[in-house]
Protein backbone atom coordinates (compact mmCIF):
# COMPACT_ATOMS: atom_id res chain seq x y z
CA MET A 1 115.79 87.33 98.84
CA GLN A 2 116.63 89.73 101.62
CA LYS A 3 120.12 89.70 103.10
CA ILE A 4 120.42 88.73 106.74
CA TRP A 5 124.02 89.86 107.22
CA LEU A 6 125.44 93.20 105.95
CA LYS A 7 129.08 94.09 105.20
CA ASP A 8 130.58 97.47 106.19
CA ILE A 9 130.73 98.39 102.51
CA GLU A 10 126.94 97.59 102.18
CA LEU A 11 126.15 99.74 105.21
CA ALA A 12 128.22 102.57 103.84
CA ALA A 13 126.41 102.41 100.51
CA ARG A 14 122.97 102.22 102.22
CA TYR A 15 123.62 105.60 103.85
CA GLY A 16 125.80 107.13 101.12
CA GLN A 17 128.80 107.20 103.39
CA SER A 18 132.36 106.05 103.23
CA ARG A 19 133.43 102.56 104.30
CA VAL A 20 134.89 103.69 107.62
CA THR A 21 131.78 105.51 108.74
CA PRO A 22 130.00 102.40 110.07
CA TRP A 23 133.09 101.73 112.27
CA ARG A 24 133.04 105.32 113.46
CA ARG A 25 129.36 104.87 114.27
CA VAL A 26 130.15 101.76 116.28
CA ARG A 27 132.77 103.78 118.37
CA ALA A 28 130.20 106.41 118.86
CA GLY A 29 127.53 103.98 120.13
CA MET A 30 125.26 104.56 117.17
CA LEU A 31 125.65 101.09 115.67
CA PRO A 32 126.11 97.75 117.51
CA PRO A 33 129.51 96.11 116.88
CA PRO A 34 129.43 93.61 114.11
CA ILE A 35 129.48 89.88 114.82
CA ARG A 36 132.61 87.96 113.85
CA LEU A 37 131.55 85.03 111.70
CA SER A 38 135.05 83.82 111.02
CA ALA A 39 138.59 85.14 110.83
CA GLY A 40 138.48 88.22 108.80
CA CYS A 41 134.73 88.17 108.34
CA THR A 42 132.54 90.45 110.43
CA ARG A 43 128.87 91.33 109.59
CA TRP A 44 125.97 93.18 111.03
CA PRO A 45 122.65 91.40 111.39
CA ALA A 46 120.30 93.06 109.00
CA HIS A 47 117.40 93.05 111.60
CA GLU A 48 119.47 95.18 113.93
CA ILE A 49 120.14 97.78 111.30
CA GLU A 50 116.46 97.83 110.33
CA ALA A 51 115.55 98.37 113.90
CA ILE A 52 117.78 101.35 114.12
CA ASP A 53 116.43 102.71 110.77
CA SER A 54 112.93 102.28 112.13
CA ALA A 55 113.70 103.99 115.35
CA ARG A 56 115.31 106.92 113.49
CA LEU A 57 112.34 107.26 111.23
CA ALA A 58 109.97 107.36 114.28
CA GLY A 59 111.91 110.33 115.58
CA ALA A 60 114.52 108.84 117.87
CA ASP A 61 117.44 111.24 118.72
CA ASP A 62 120.99 110.09 119.04
CA GLU A 63 120.53 109.26 122.81
CA GLY A 64 117.49 107.06 121.89
CA ILE A 65 119.61 105.29 119.18
CA ARG A 66 122.38 104.72 121.69
CA LYS A 67 119.84 103.08 124.12
CA LEU A 68 118.52 101.01 121.41
CA VAL A 69 122.05 99.80 120.52
CA VAL A 70 122.59 98.82 124.09
CA GLU A 71 119.37 96.80 124.00
CA LEU A 72 120.20 95.11 120.74
CA VAL A 73 123.64 94.06 122.13
CA ALA A 74 121.99 92.70 125.33
CA ALA A 75 119.51 90.79 123.29
CA ARG A 76 122.45 89.19 121.34
CA THR A 77 124.04 88.17 124.67
CA ALA A 78 120.78 86.79 125.95
CA ARG A 79 120.25 84.66 122.84
CA VAL A 80 123.80 83.26 123.07
CA ALA A 81 123.37 82.39 126.82
CA ALA A 82 120.02 80.69 126.24
């Protein structure tokens, strides 16, 4: 079964990075912020991470990834508002 939510430690392991790197990437606009599921529990939707990975594999540069992140966050907002 494929995970639908990813922890910061899982993102770090996915890319062979330290646990703080996903948070640094959020601050740099290279990852969307995680979603707070409950107090002390934040996770990233796996489909958003997969979209970023696909864009990177397709040749997107950092600016392209930042634009995608903005679109992903806007889509979240639109889903919540609907």
